[in-house]
Amino acid sequence: MLTKKIFSAALLSLSAAGASASFADHSVNRLPAEQTVSEPQIKNNYIKMARAAYTDSLTSAQTLQLSVQQLLASPTDKSLAAAKAAYKSARIPYQQSEIMRWDTDITLTAGLDKDGGPASVDQWEGQVNAWPLDEQAIDYVQGNNNAGIINQKNAAPISIDYLIAQNGVGGEANVTTGFHAIEFLLWGQDLNGTKPGAGVRNVNDFQTDGSGRCTAANCDRRRDYLQAAVQLLVTDLTVMSNEWSPAAKAVEGTLAYNFYHSDDALRQIIFSMKNMATDELASARMNEGLEGLDPEQEHDCFSDLSHVAVYYNFQGIRNAFYGGYKKTDGQIVSGAGIADYINQQSPALYKEFDKAFNSIEKNMVIVFDAGEKSQNPIRFDQIIGQKESAPERSAAVSAVHQLVSLQSSFDDLQELLSLQALTLDGSGD
């Protein structure tokens, strides 16, 4: 079995997760394997990486759930801050898992829902991480204290099934489930534009109606909503973690089984990397805000944690390429990767990708570190409003251009491996 050197590391800090906490940051992990790797080895390793990323996502969501329970048991500024920190921590493994979000024939024609699993990865993703989100579908906003499900009169009780049924009703942006619904509930609207500051939810919005301390109407429904949304997130991540488990690999119809037995598995990895890098990350998650000078296009706009989201999305691409994932407890899951496979057939093309990823990483670190500064952090919405000459904006724009430029390398790879183009379905965002 192919192995790479394992490094240990401390747990990520909730307050300032270091940008060094990524598999490919250690140069030894980026070196191509000396021995020949096979397609089955790459598939096996990718399944293990998927399982690790989704299990970390589940574990961190369960920690978020505990923090929310503590917040609702005793609504204080301290318990609200703890819930926000848990949300931030949960974004780190989940963003790295998004490289696996796209559907292909491996999933779309496989009848995944026969065993109770998701009908498609894209459908599942749309319930877990859909974006953009119109706040008015959920709760009060500036100028409308009666907006949203929470403030509906004579409405049905809030439950998981009710939130699922309401997701996307009346418009794609009427998102009622997933990470960003939870984010909005914890932070509230960010009304700062491109100036410093995230949303500032009053903790007394989570008091009970009968406490006499409820700051806004319908506190009980807000509490019910937050609990239901977090429980649904935990349930959904449990489903996806199970889809990639060792047991699932032996069960026809699961994602792990279908991936391992598919002739298109390596093609799926390659085109998922390409789609995430050149389209989703470069365009939708970074450039739409930067070019349009619009902080509303910021992916985590309520919490101002977009620097975390985009940085770890990029780590997901690097993980898929180099064949490794660093768990939140510091353990390394690694083995044969696409990088090894490419290097066997064209060392020059491997070096081209490796050089490009290292250059992009330098710019992504600048963006990440700016948002993590303990004093006067510069978050992504502030970067959007910066002058072109500002070092943070320059780094962000350069990273976008570099990600888009990977298109030519992927074209060369497609020709090298004689790959037919693979259409990926993944609009859940």
Protein backbone atom coordinates (compact mmCIF):
# COMPACT_ATOMS: atom_id res chain seq x y z
CA MET A 1 0.00 0.00 0.00
CA LEU A 2 1.34 3.42 -0.94
CA THR A 3 2.09 5.60 2.09
CA LYS A 4 3.32 9.11 2.60
CA LYS A 5 5.00 10.55 5.65
CA ILE A 6 2.57 11.35 8.46
CA PHE A 7 2.79 14.55 10.45
CA SER A 8 1.06 15.25 13.76
CA ALA A 9 -0.50 18.60 14.59
CA ALA A 10 -2.47 20.26 17.33
CA LEU A 11 -6.20 20.80 17.03
CA LEU A 12 -7.24 23.87 15.08
CA SER A 13 -7.90 26.91 17.19
CA LEU A 14 -11.51 28.04 17.03
CA SER A 15 -10.52 31.68 17.20
CA ALA A 16 -7.69 31.63 14.67
CA ALA A 17 -7.43 28.48 12.60
CA GLY A 18 -3.93 28.56 11.16
CA ALA A 19 -3.60 28.47 7.40
CA SER A 20 -0.83 25.89 7.89
CA ALA A 21 -3.37 23.27 8.95
CA SER A 22 -3.61 21.65 5.52
CA PHE A 23 -2.20 18.43 4.06
CA ALA A 24 -0.34 19.98 1.13
CA ASP A 25 1.42 22.62 3.22
CA HIS A 26 4.17 20.11 4.03
CA SER A 27 6.43 19.83 0.99
CA VAL A 28 7.02 16.10 1.53
CA ASN A 29 3.29 15.52 1.02
CA ARG A 30 3.49 17.12 -2.42
CA LEU A 31 6.26 14.86 -3.71
CA PRO A 32 5.12 12.30 -6.29
CA ALA A 33 5.36 8.65 -5.30
CA GLU A 34 8.54 6.86 -6.29
CA GLN A 35 6.67 3.64 -7.04
CA THR A 36 3.99 3.11 -9.65
CA VAL A 37 0.42 3.74 -8.51
CA SER A 38 -2.67 2.04 -9.87
CA GLU A 39 -6.21 3.24 -10.46
CA PRO A 40 -7.60 0.97 -7.69
CA GLN A 41 -5.10 2.51 -5.24
CA ILE A 42 -6.20 6.03 -6.19
CA LYS A 43 -9.86 5.06 -5.84
CA ASN A 44 -9.33 3.43 -2.46
CA ASN A 45 -7.45 6.44 -1.14
CA TYR A 46 -10.06 8.88 -2.44
CA ILE A 47 -12.83 6.92 -0.69
CA LYS A 48 -10.87 7.09 2.58
CA MET A 49 -10.34 10.83 2.12
CA ALA A 50 -14.04 11.37 1.44
CA ARG A 51 -14.98 9.41 4.53
CA ALA A 52 -12.51 11.38 6.66
CA ALA A 53 -13.67 14.79 5.40
CA TYR A 54 -17.35 14.02 5.85
CA THR A 55 -16.79 12.39 9.25
CA ASP A 56 -14.88 15.48 10.41
CA SER A 57 -17.74 17.60 9.07
CA LEU A 58 -20.24 15.51 11.01
CA THR A 59 -18.23 15.62 14.23
CA SER A 60 -17.83 19.39 14.03
CA ALA A 61 -21.56 19.77 13.28
CA GLN A 62 -22.32 17.73 16.39
CA THR A 63 -20.08 20.11 18.37
CA LEU A 64 -22.04 23.00 16.86
CA GLN A 65 -25.25 21.31 17.96
CA LEU A 66 -24.00 21.05 21.54
CA SER A 67 -23.02 24.71 21.50
CA VAL A 68 -26.47 25.68 20.22
CA GLN A 69 -28.10 23.62 22.96
CA GLN A 70 -26.00 25.47 25.53
CA LEU A 71 -26.90 28.80 23.94
CA LEU A 72 -30.61 28.06 24.14
CA ALA A 73 -30.32 26.71 27.70
CA SER A 74 -28.60 29.92 28.78
CA PRO A 75 -28.63 32.75 26.22
CA THR A 76 -25.61 34.91 27.02
CA ASP A 77 -23.05 36.76 24.93
CA LYS A 78 -20.55 34.08 25.94
CA SER A 79 -22.72 31.15 24.82
CA LEU A 80 -23.57 32.92 21.54
CA ALA A 81 -19.86 33.52 20.89
CA ALA A 82 -19.18 29.83 21.56
CA ALA A 83 -21.84 28.80 19.05
CA LYS A 84 -20.33 31.14 16.46
CA ALA A 85 -16.87 29.67 17.08
CA ALA A 86 -18.29 26.18 16.61
CA TYR A 87 -19.85 27.26 13.31
CA LYS A 88 -16.49 28.56 12.11
CA SER A 89 -14.80 25.32 13.10
CA ALA A 90 -17.41 23.31 11.20
CA ARG A 91 -16.73 25.20 7.98
CA ILE A 92 -13.11 24.02 7.80
CA PRO A 93 -13.64 20.30 7.07
CA TYR A 94 -16.89 20.87 5.19
CA GLN A 95 -15.34 23.28 2.67
CA GLN A 96 -12.66 20.70 1.94
CA SER A 97 -15.34 18.10 1.23
CA GLU A 98 -17.00 20.23 -1.45
CA ILE A 99 -14.63 18.92 -4.11
CA MET A 100 -16.93 15.85 -4.00
CA ARG A 101 -20.19 17.73 -4.52
CA TRP A 102 -20.71 17.20 -8.25
CA ASP A 103 -22.95 14.59 -9.84
CA THR A 104 -21.99 12.42 -12.80
CA ASP A 105 -23.32 9.15 -14.19
CA ILE A 106 -21.76 7.52 -11.12
CA THR A 107 -24.55 9.10 -9.11
CA LEU A 108 -27.30 10.35 -11.40
CA THR A 109 -28.17 6.96 -12.89
CA ALA A 110 -27.29 4.85 -9.86
CA GLY A 111 -30.51 4.94 -7.82
CA LEU A 112 -28.75 6.20 -4.72
CA ASP A 113 -32.02 6.72 -2.86
CA LYS A 114 -32.94 3.01 -2.92
CA ASP A 115 -31.23 2.50 0.43
CA GLY A 116 -32.53 5.75 1.91
CA GLY A 117 -29.50 7.77 0.82
CA PRO A 118 -29.60 11.02 -1.14
CA ALA A 119 -31.10 10.85 -4.62
CA SER A 120 -28.11 12.85 -5.85
CA VAL A 121 -25.14 14.65 -4.36
CA ASP A 122 -26.34 17.93 -5.83
CA GLN A 123 -29.78 17.56 -4.25
CA TRP A 124 -28.14 16.77 -0.92
CA GLU A 125 -25.77 19.73 -1.25
CA GLY A 126 -28.71 22.04 -1.93
CA GLN A 127 -30.13 21.18 1.47
CA VAL A 128 -26.79 21.51 3.27
CA ASN A 129 -25.02 24.51 1.75
CA ALA A 130 -27.32 26.32 -0.68
CA TRP A 131 -26.39 29.91 -1.52
CA PRO A 132 -27.33 32.73 -2.03
CA LEU A 133 -29.80 33.07 0.83
CA ASP A 134 -32.51 35.70 1.12
CA GLU A 135 -32.73 36.52 4.81
CA GLN A 136 -36.37 37.57 4.50
CA ALA A 137 -37.36 33.96 3.98
CA ILE A 138 -36.24 33.16 7.53
CA ASP A 139 -36.48 36.08 9.96
CA TYR A 140 -36.82 39.81 10.43
CA VAL A 141 -34.60 42.12 8.44
CA GLN A 142 -33.95 45.83 8.53
CA GLY A 143 -37.21 47.57 7.61
CA ASN A 144 -39.39 44.47 8.02
CA ASN A 145 -39.86 43.09 11.51
CA ASN A 146 -42.47 40.60 10.31
CA ALA A 147 -40.43 38.86 7.62
CA GLY A 148 -39.79 35.17 7.36
CA ILE A 149 -40.99 31.82 8.58
CA ILE A 150 -40.22 32.76 12.14
CA ASN A 151 -42.66 35.68 12.10
CA GLN A 152 -45.49 34.13 10.09
CA LYS A 153 -48.87 34.42 11.76
CA ASN A 154 -50.87 31.22 12.26
CA ALA A 155 -48.03 29.28 10.64
CA ALA A 156 -47.33 25.60 11.09
CA PRO A 157 -45.01 24.65 13.96
CA ILE A 158 -41.37 24.71 12.96
CA SER A 159 -39.93 21.25 12.42
CA ILE A 160 -37.29 19.61 10.25
CA ASP A 161 -39.90 18.43 7.75
CA TYR A 162 -41.40 21.92 7.59
CA LEU A 163 -38.03 23.55 6.87
CA ILE A 164 -37.29 21.01 4.14
CA ALA A 165 -40.69 21.62 2.56
CA GLN A 166 -40.11 25.40 2.56
CA ASN A 167 -36.58 25.24 1.12
CA GLY A 168 -36.59 27.07 -2.21
CA VAL A 169 -40.34 27.75 -2.21
CA GLY A 170 -41.06 30.96 -4.10
CA GLY A 171 -37.50 31.36 -5.38
CA GLU A 172 -34.08 29.70 -5.42
CA ALA A 173 -32.73 32.19 -2.86
CA ASN A 174 -35.45 31.34 -0.34
CA VAL A 175 -33.09 28.96 1.41
CA THR A 176 -34.39 27.65 4.73
CA THR A 177 -31.94 24.85 5.60
CA GLY A 178 -28.22 24.25 5.90
CA PHE A 179 -25.11 26.07 7.00
CA HIS A 180 -26.12 29.52 5.80
CA ALA A 181 -29.52 29.46 7.45
CA ILE A 182 -27.74 28.63 10.71
CA GLU A 183 -25.17 31.34 10.01
CA PHE A 184 -27.88 33.97 9.54
CA LEU A 185 -29.65 32.92 12.73
CA LEU A 186 -26.43 33.19 14.75
CA TRP A 187 -25.15 36.46 13.27
CA GLY A 188 -28.14 38.26 11.77
CA GLN A 189 -27.78 40.66 8.85
CA ASP A 190 -24.43 42.23 8.08
CA LEU A 191 -25.31 45.87 7.34
CA ASN A 192 -21.72 47.10 7.15
CA GLY A 193 -21.22 46.84 3.40
CA THR A 194 -17.49 46.79 2.68
CA LYS A 195 -16.65 48.32 6.04
CA PRO A 196 -15.41 46.30 9.03
CA GLY A 197 -17.91 44.25 10.97
CA ALA A 198 -20.09 41.17 10.61
CA GLY A 199 -23.72 40.74 11.62
CA VAL A 200 -24.55 41.45 15.26
CA ARG A 201 -27.40 39.23 16.44
CA ASN A 202 -28.77 40.27 19.83
CA VAL A 203 -28.44 37.24 22.10
CA ASN A 204 -31.82 38.05 23.61
CA ASP A 205 -33.39 37.04 20.30
CA PHE A 206 -32.91 33.54 21.73
CA GLN A 207 -34.69 34.11 25.04
CA THR A 208 -38.08 32.44 25.47
CA ASP A 209 -41.26 34.34 24.73
CA GLY A 210 -42.31 34.07 28.37
CA SER A 211 -39.01 35.33 29.80
CA GLY A 212 -39.85 39.01 29.36
CA ARG A 213 -36.38 39.50 27.81
CA CYS A 214 -37.12 38.56 24.20
CA THR A 215 -35.69 41.35 22.03
CA ALA A 216 -37.66 40.48 18.90
CA ALA A 217 -41.02 38.83 18.40
CA ASN A 218 -41.44 35.06 18.24
CA CYS A 219 -38.35 34.04 20.14
CA ASP A 220 -39.74 30.56 20.70
CA ARG A 221 -40.06 29.99 16.95
CA ARG A 222 -36.52 31.30 16.44
CA ARG A 223 -35.25 28.85 19.03
CA ASP A 224 -37.19 26.01 17.39
CA TYR A 225 -35.83 27.01 13.98
CA LEU A 226 -32.20 27.02 15.10
CA GLN A 227 -32.56 23.64 16.80
CA ALA A 228 -34.28 22.07 13.80
CA ALA A 229 -31.78 23.49 11.29
CA VAL A 230 -28.79 22.20 13.25
CA GLN A 231 -30.36 18.78 13.78
CA LEU A 232 -31.04 18.52 10.04
CA LEU A 233 -27.43 19.45 9.29
CA VAL A 234 -26.22 16.67 11.62
CA THR A 235 -28.61 14.20 10.01
CA ASP A 236 -27.55 15.11 6.49
CA LEU A 237 -23.85 14.84 7.30
CA THR A 238 -24.47 11.48 8.95
CA VAL A 239 -26.03 10.26 5.70
CA MET A 240 -23.09 11.44 3.59
CA SER A 241 -20.46 10.10 5.98
CA ASN A 242 -22.18 6.71 5.81
CA GLU A 243 -22.19 6.82 2.00
CA TRP A 244 -18.37 6.71 2.06
CA SER A 245 -17.85 4.27 4.94
CA PRO A 246 -15.84 1.03 4.61
CA ALA A 247 -19.11 -0.90 4.89
CA ALA A 248 -20.69 1.17 2.12
CA LYS A 249 -17.92 0.24 -0.29
CA ALA A 250 -19.29 -3.30 -0.33
CA VAL A 251 -22.93 -2.24 -0.89
CA GLU A 252 -24.07 -1.64 -4.45
CA GLY A 253 -25.76 1.74 -4.90
CA THR A 254 -23.70 3.67 -2.35
CA LEU A 255 -21.37 6.46 -3.40
CA ALA A 256 -18.29 4.51 -2.27
CA TYR A 257 -19.29 1.35 -4.15
CA ASN A 258 -20.30 3.18 -7.31
CA PHE A 259 -17.14 5.28 -7.31
CA TYR A 260 -14.83 2.31 -6.80
CA HIS A 261 -16.49 0.21 -9.50
CA SER A 262 -16.79 2.99 -12.06
CA ASP A 263 -14.50 3.32 -15.06
CA ASP A 264 -15.04 7.09 -14.78
CA ALA A 265 -13.79 7.50 -11.20
CA LEU A 266 -10.46 9.14 -12.07
CA ARG A 267 -12.16 11.26 -14.69
CA GLN A 268 -14.62 12.42 -12.00
CA ILE A 269 -11.79 13.47 -9.68
CA ILE A 270 -10.04 15.41 -12.46
CA PHE A 271 -13.11 17.21 -13.75
CA SER A 272 -14.34 17.97 -10.22
CA MET A 273 -11.00 19.65 -9.55
CA LYS A 274 -11.29 21.58 -12.79
CA ASN A 275 -14.87 22.67 -12.13
CA MET A 276 -14.18 23.76 -8.56
CA ALA A 277 -11.01 25.65 -9.47
CA THR A 278 -11.83 27.40 -12.73
CA ASP A 279 -15.56 27.97 -12.31
CA GLU A 280 -17.02 27.61 -8.83
CA LEU A 281 -14.19 28.99 -6.69
CA ALA A 282 -12.65 31.46 -9.13
CA SER A 283 -15.93 32.82 -10.44
CA ALA A 284 -18.92 32.31 -8.16
CA ARG A 285 -17.17 32.45 -4.81
CA MET A 286 -14.49 35.04 -5.41
CA ASN A 287 -14.69 37.04 -8.61
CA GLU A 288 -18.42 37.86 -8.58
CA GLY A 289 -17.92 39.87 -5.41
CA LEU A 290 -14.54 41.31 -6.41
CA GLU A 291 -15.49 42.38 -9.93
CA GLY A 292 -19.01 43.51 -9.05
CA LEU A 293 -17.80 45.28 -5.88
CA ASP A 294 -20.73 43.56 -4.15
CA PRO A 295 -20.32 42.17 -0.61
CA GLU A 296 -23.72 40.49 -0.99
CA GLN A 297 -21.93 37.98 -3.22
CA GLU A 298 -19.67 37.01 -0.33
CA HIS A 299 -20.29 33.33 0.39
CA ASP A 300 -20.39 33.64 4.22
CA CYS A 301 -21.63 37.21 4.28
CA PHE A 302 -23.39 37.21 7.67
CA SER A 303 -20.37 35.97 9.62
CA ASP A 304 -17.65 37.48 7.40
CA LEU A 305 -15.98 34.07 7.26
CA SER A 306 -15.63 33.92 3.48
CA HIS A 307 -11.84 33.91 3.83
CA VAL A 308 -12.20 30.57 5.65
CA ALA A 309 -14.64 29.18 3.09
CA VAL A 310 -12.63 29.99 -0.03
CA TYR A 311 -9.29 29.06 1.50
CA TYR A 312 -10.47 25.58 2.48
CA ASN A 313 -12.27 25.11 -0.82
CA PHE A 314 -8.85 25.51 -2.39
CA GLN A 315 -7.37 23.02 0.08
CA GLY A 316 -9.99 20.54 -1.13
CA ILE A 317 -8.63 20.90 -4.67
CA ARG A 318 -5.06 20.41 -3.47
CA ASN A 319 -6.13 17.42 -1.35
CA ALA A 320 -7.68 15.73 -4.39
CA PHE A 321 -4.58 16.40 -6.47
CA TYR A 322 -1.89 15.30 -4.02
CA GLY A 323 -3.98 12.50 -2.50
CA GLY A 324 -4.24 13.45 1.15
CA TYR A 325 -6.43 15.05 3.80
CA LYS A 326 -5.43 16.39 7.20
CA LYS A 327 -8.09 15.60 9.79
CA THR A 328 -9.09 18.09 12.45
CA ASP A 329 -7.26 15.99 15.06
CA GLY A 330 -4.02 16.26 13.07
CA GLN A 331 -4.04 12.74 11.62
CA ILE A 332 -3.21 12.32 7.96
CA VAL A 333 -5.21 10.22 5.53
CA SER A 334 -3.11 9.80 2.40
CA GLY A 335 -2.07 7.49 -0.38
CA ALA A 336 -2.04 7.31 -4.16
CA GLY A 337 -3.25 10.52 -5.79
CA ILE A 338 -3.89 12.03 -9.19
CA ALA A 339 -0.54 13.83 -8.89
CA ASP A 340 1.27 10.50 -8.73
CA TYR A 341 -0.69 9.22 -11.72
CA ILE A 342 0.11 12.30 -13.80
CA ASN A 343 3.78 12.25 -12.87
CA GLN A 344 4.09 8.65 -14.07
CA GLN A 345 3.06 9.72 -17.55
CA SER A 346 4.31 13.30 -17.76
CA PRO A 347 6.64 14.68 -15.08
CA ALA A 348 6.55 18.01 -16.90
CA LEU A 349 2.76 18.30 -16.56
CA TYR A 350 2.94 17.27 -12.91
CA LYS A 351 5.46 20.06 -12.31
CA GLU A 352 3.19 22.51 -14.14
CA PHE A 353 0.28 21.72 -11.82
CA ASP A 354 2.50 21.65 -8.73
CA LYS A 355 4.00 25.06 -9.55
CA ALA A 356 0.56 26.55 -10.22
CA PHE A 357 -0.94 25.21 -6.98
CA ASN A 358 2.01 26.51 -4.95
CA SER A 359 1.65 29.97 -6.52
CA ILE A 360 -2.10 30.08 -5.89
CA GLU A 361 -1.56 28.96 -2.31
CA LYS A 362 0.69 31.96 -1.62
CA ASN A 363 -2.10 34.35 -2.64
CA MET A 364 -4.81 32.40 -0.84
CA VAL A 365 -2.77 32.50 2.36
CA ILE A 366 -2.56 36.29 2.13
CA VAL A 367 -6.37 36.47 1.92
CA PHE A 368 -6.81 33.96 4.74
CA ASP A 369 -4.25 35.52 7.08
CA ALA A 370 -5.72 38.99 6.54
CA GLY A 371 -9.06 37.72 7.82
CA GLU A 372 -7.46 35.95 10.78
CA LYS A 373 -5.48 38.86 12.19
CA SER A 374 -6.19 39.30 15.89
CA GLN A 375 -6.14 43.08 15.53
CA ASN A 376 -8.02 44.85 12.74
CA PRO A 377 -8.63 41.82 10.54
CA ILE A 378 -9.39 42.47 6.87
CA ARG A 379 -12.25 40.22 5.85
CA PHE A 380 -13.29 39.35 2.31
CA ASP A 381 -16.06 41.97 2.17
CA GLN A 382 -13.51 44.62 3.06
CA ILE A 383 -11.17 43.30 0.38
CA ILE A 384 -14.00 43.74 -2.12
CA GLY A 385 -14.07 47.45 -1.27
CA GLN A 386 -10.30 47.98 -1.34
CA LYS A 387 -8.36 49.87 -3.96
CA GLU A 388 -6.82 47.73 -6.69
CA SER A 389 -3.35 48.36 -5.29
CA ALA A 390 -4.15 47.01 -1.81
CA PRO A 391 -2.06 43.89 -1.14
CA GLU A 392 -5.05 41.81 0.01
CA ARG A 393 -7.17 42.68 -3.02
CA SER A 394 -4.22 42.20 -5.34
CA ALA A 395 -3.67 38.72 -3.88
CA ALA A 396 -7.36 37.81 -4.21
CA VAL A 397 -7.57 38.97 -7.82
CA SER A 398 -4.30 37.21 -8.67
CA ALA A 399 -5.62 33.98 -7.16
CA VAL A 400 -8.74 34.25 -9.34
CA HIS A 401 -6.65 34.71 -12.47
CA GLN A 402 -4.37 31.83 -11.52
CA LEU A 403 -7.29 29.51 -10.85
CA VAL A 404 -8.83 30.33 -14.22
CA SER A 405 -5.45 29.80 -15.89
CA LEU A 406 -5.48 26.20 -14.70
CA GLN A 407 -7.88 25.60 -17.59
CA SER A 408 -4.95 25.15 -19.99
CA SER A 409 -3.24 22.63 -17.69
CA PHE A 410 -6.46 20.64 -17.39
CA ASP A 411 -6.82 20.73 -21.17
CA ASP A 412 -3.30 19.30 -21.47
CA LEU A 413 -4.17 16.63 -18.92
CA GLN A 414 -7.35 15.75 -20.78
CA GLU A 415 -5.31 15.27 -23.95
CA LEU A 416 -2.57 13.32 -22.15
CA LEU A 417 -5.01 10.82 -20.68
CA SER A 418 -7.32 10.81 -23.73
CA LEU A 419 -10.25 11.82 -21.55
CA GLN A 420 -13.62 12.74 -22.96
CA ALA A 421 -15.12 15.86 -21.37
CA LEU A 422 -17.29 15.05 -18.37
CA THR A 423 -20.35 17.18 -17.75
CA LEU A 424 -20.82 17.75 -14.04
CA ASP A 425 -24.16 18.61 -12.47
CA GLY A 426 -23.81 20.61 -9.29
CA SER A 427 -25.86 23.73 -8.79
CA GLY A 428 -26.62 23.28 -5.10
CA ASP A 429 -23.94 25.74 -4.01
